[in-house]
């Protein structure tokens, strides 16, 4: 029996791809929001961390 046959036998299996897409979009939007709202001074401070000894 092939793997696709196992997936077809699961009831309401089509909800899983939609759920994972929804979680990804929410996570990506959250990261994008946080990056766009970051202070320029904070970005400069973080940018110079590897050079501070």
N, C-alpha and C. Protein backbone atom coordinates (compact mmCIF):
# COMPACT_ATOMS: atom_id res chain seq x y z
N UNK A 1 0.84 -1.17 0.00
CA UNK A 1 0.00 0.00 0.00
C UNK A 1 0.89 1.24 0.00
N UNK A 2 0.58 2.20 -0.85
CA UNK A 2 1.38 3.41 -0.95
C UNK A 2 0.99 4.41 0.13
N UNK A 3 1.90 5.35 0.38
CA UNK A 3 1.69 6.35 1.43
C UNK A 3 0.45 7.20 1.16
N UNK A 4 0.20 7.53 -0.09
CA UNK A 4 -0.96 8.36 -0.44
C UNK A 4 -2.26 7.67 -0.05
N UNK A 5 -2.29 6.37 -0.09
CA UNK A 5 -3.49 5.62 0.31
C UNK A 5 -3.76 5.78 1.81
N UNK A 6 -2.71 5.85 2.60
CA UNK A 6 -2.89 6.07 4.04
C UNK A 6 -3.48 7.45 4.29
N UNK A 7 -3.00 8.45 3.57
CA UNK A 7 -3.50 9.81 3.75
C UNK A 7 -4.96 9.93 3.31
N UNK A 8 -5.33 9.23 2.26
CA UNK A 8 -6.71 9.29 1.77
C UNK A 8 -7.68 8.66 2.77
N UNK A 9 -7.19 7.75 3.58
CA UNK A 9 -8.07 7.07 4.52
C UNK A 9 -8.33 7.89 5.79
N UNK A 10 -7.56 8.97 6.01
CA UNK A 10 -7.75 9.81 7.19
C UNK A 10 -8.91 10.76 6.93
N UNK A 11 -9.81 10.86 7.88
CA UNK A 11 -10.96 11.74 7.75
C UNK A 11 -10.52 13.19 7.89
N UNK A 12 -10.99 14.06 7.01
CA UNK A 12 -10.69 15.50 7.02
C UNK A 12 -9.19 15.79 6.98
N UNK A 13 -8.46 15.07 6.16
CA UNK A 13 -7.02 15.27 6.06
C UNK A 13 -6.68 16.61 5.39
N UNK A 14 -7.61 17.21 4.67
CA UNK A 14 -7.33 18.46 3.96
C UNK A 14 -7.17 19.65 4.90
N UNK A 15 -7.54 19.51 6.15
CA UNK A 15 -7.41 20.62 7.10
C UNK A 15 -5.96 20.81 7.53
N UNK A 16 -5.13 19.80 7.48
CA UNK A 16 -3.75 19.90 7.93
C UNK A 16 -2.90 20.85 7.09
N UNK A 17 -2.95 20.79 5.76
CA UNK A 17 -2.17 21.77 4.98
C UNK A 17 -2.66 23.20 5.20
N UNK A 18 -3.95 23.40 5.35
CA UNK A 18 -4.47 24.73 5.59
C UNK A 18 -4.05 25.25 6.96
N UNK A 19 -4.04 24.39 7.94
CA UNK A 19 -3.62 24.78 9.28
C UNK A 19 -2.15 25.16 9.30
N UNK A 20 -1.31 24.36 8.66
CA UNK A 20 0.11 24.67 8.64
C UNK A 20 0.39 25.94 7.86
N UNK A 21 -0.33 26.20 6.79
CA UNK A 21 -0.18 27.44 6.04
C UNK A 21 -0.59 28.63 6.90
N UNK A 22 -1.68 28.51 7.63
CA UNK A 22 -2.15 29.57 8.50
C UNK A 22 -1.13 29.88 9.59
N UNK A 23 -0.55 28.86 10.20
CA UNK A 23 0.47 29.05 11.23
C UNK A 23 1.69 29.74 10.65
N UNK A 24 2.11 29.34 9.46
CA UNK A 24 3.27 29.96 8.82
C UNK A 24 3.01 31.42 8.52
N UNK A 25 1.85 31.76 7.98
CA UNK A 25 1.53 33.14 7.64
C UNK A 25 1.49 34.01 8.89
N UNK A 26 0.89 33.52 9.97
CA UNK A 26 0.84 34.27 11.22
C UNK A 26 2.24 34.50 11.77
N UNK A 27 3.08 33.48 11.75
CA UNK A 27 4.45 33.60 12.24
C UNK A 27 5.24 34.60 11.39
N UNK A 28 5.15 34.48 10.07
CA UNK A 28 5.87 35.38 9.17
C UNK A 28 5.41 36.81 9.35
N UNK A 29 4.11 37.04 9.49
CA UNK A 29 3.59 38.39 9.69
C UNK A 29 4.08 38.95 11.03
N UNK A 30 4.15 38.13 12.06
CA UNK A 30 4.66 38.58 13.35
C UNK A 30 6.12 38.98 13.29
N UNK A 31 6.93 38.18 12.62
CA UNK A 31 8.35 38.50 12.48
C UNK A 31 8.53 39.76 11.65
N UNK A 32 7.78 39.89 10.58
CA UNK A 32 7.86 41.08 9.73
C UNK A 32 7.45 42.32 10.51
N UNK A 33 6.38 42.23 11.29
CA UNK A 33 5.92 43.36 12.11
C UNK A 33 7.00 43.77 13.10
N UNK A 34 7.62 42.79 13.76
CA UNK A 34 8.65 43.10 14.75
C UNK A 34 9.87 43.74 14.11
N UNK A 35 10.26 43.27 12.95
CA UNK A 35 11.42 43.84 12.27
C UNK A 35 11.14 45.27 11.82
N UNK A 36 9.97 45.51 11.30
CA UNK A 36 9.65 46.84 10.81
C UNK A 36 9.46 47.85 11.95
N UNK A 37 9.09 47.40 13.14
CA UNK A 37 8.88 48.30 14.28
C UNK A 37 10.13 48.51 15.12
N UNK A 38 11.25 47.86 14.78
CA UNK A 38 12.48 47.95 15.55
C UNK A 38 13.10 49.34 15.44
N UNK A 39 13.68 49.83 16.56
CA UNK A 39 14.36 51.13 16.56
C UNK A 39 15.62 51.07 15.70
N UNK A 40 15.94 52.17 15.07
CA UNK A 40 17.17 52.25 14.28
C UNK A 40 18.39 52.16 15.20
N UNK A 41 18.30 52.75 16.40
CA UNK A 41 19.42 52.69 17.35
C UNK A 41 19.66 51.25 17.80
N UNK A 42 18.60 50.51 18.01
CA UNK A 42 18.73 49.11 18.41
C UNK A 42 19.37 48.28 17.30
N UNK A 43 19.01 48.57 16.08
CA UNK A 43 19.59 47.85 14.94
C UNK A 43 21.09 48.15 14.84
N UNK A 44 21.46 49.41 15.02
CA UNK A 44 22.87 49.78 14.98
C UNK A 44 23.65 49.10 16.11
N UNK A 45 23.06 49.05 17.30
CA UNK A 45 23.71 48.40 18.44
C UNK A 45 23.92 46.91 18.16
N UNK A 46 22.90 46.25 17.63
CA UNK A 46 23.00 44.83 17.35
C UNK A 46 23.96 44.55 16.20
N UNK A 47 24.02 45.48 15.25
CA UNK A 47 24.92 45.31 14.11
C UNK A 47 26.38 45.32 14.54
N UNK A 48 26.69 46.09 15.59
CA UNK A 48 28.08 46.24 16.03
C UNK A 48 28.48 45.25 17.11
N UNK A 49 27.60 44.37 17.53
CA UNK A 49 27.92 43.39 18.59
C UNK A 49 29.14 42.53 18.24
N UNK A 50 29.29 42.02 17.01
CA UNK A 50 30.47 41.18 16.74
C UNK A 50 31.79 41.94 16.83
N UNK A 51 31.76 43.26 16.69
CA UNK A 51 32.99 44.03 16.70
C UNK A 51 33.37 44.54 18.08
N UNK A 52 32.44 44.50 19.04
CA UNK A 52 32.73 44.93 20.40
C UNK A 52 33.46 43.83 21.13
N UNK A 53 34.63 44.16 21.65
CA UNK A 53 35.40 43.15 22.38
C UNK A 53 35.43 43.43 23.84
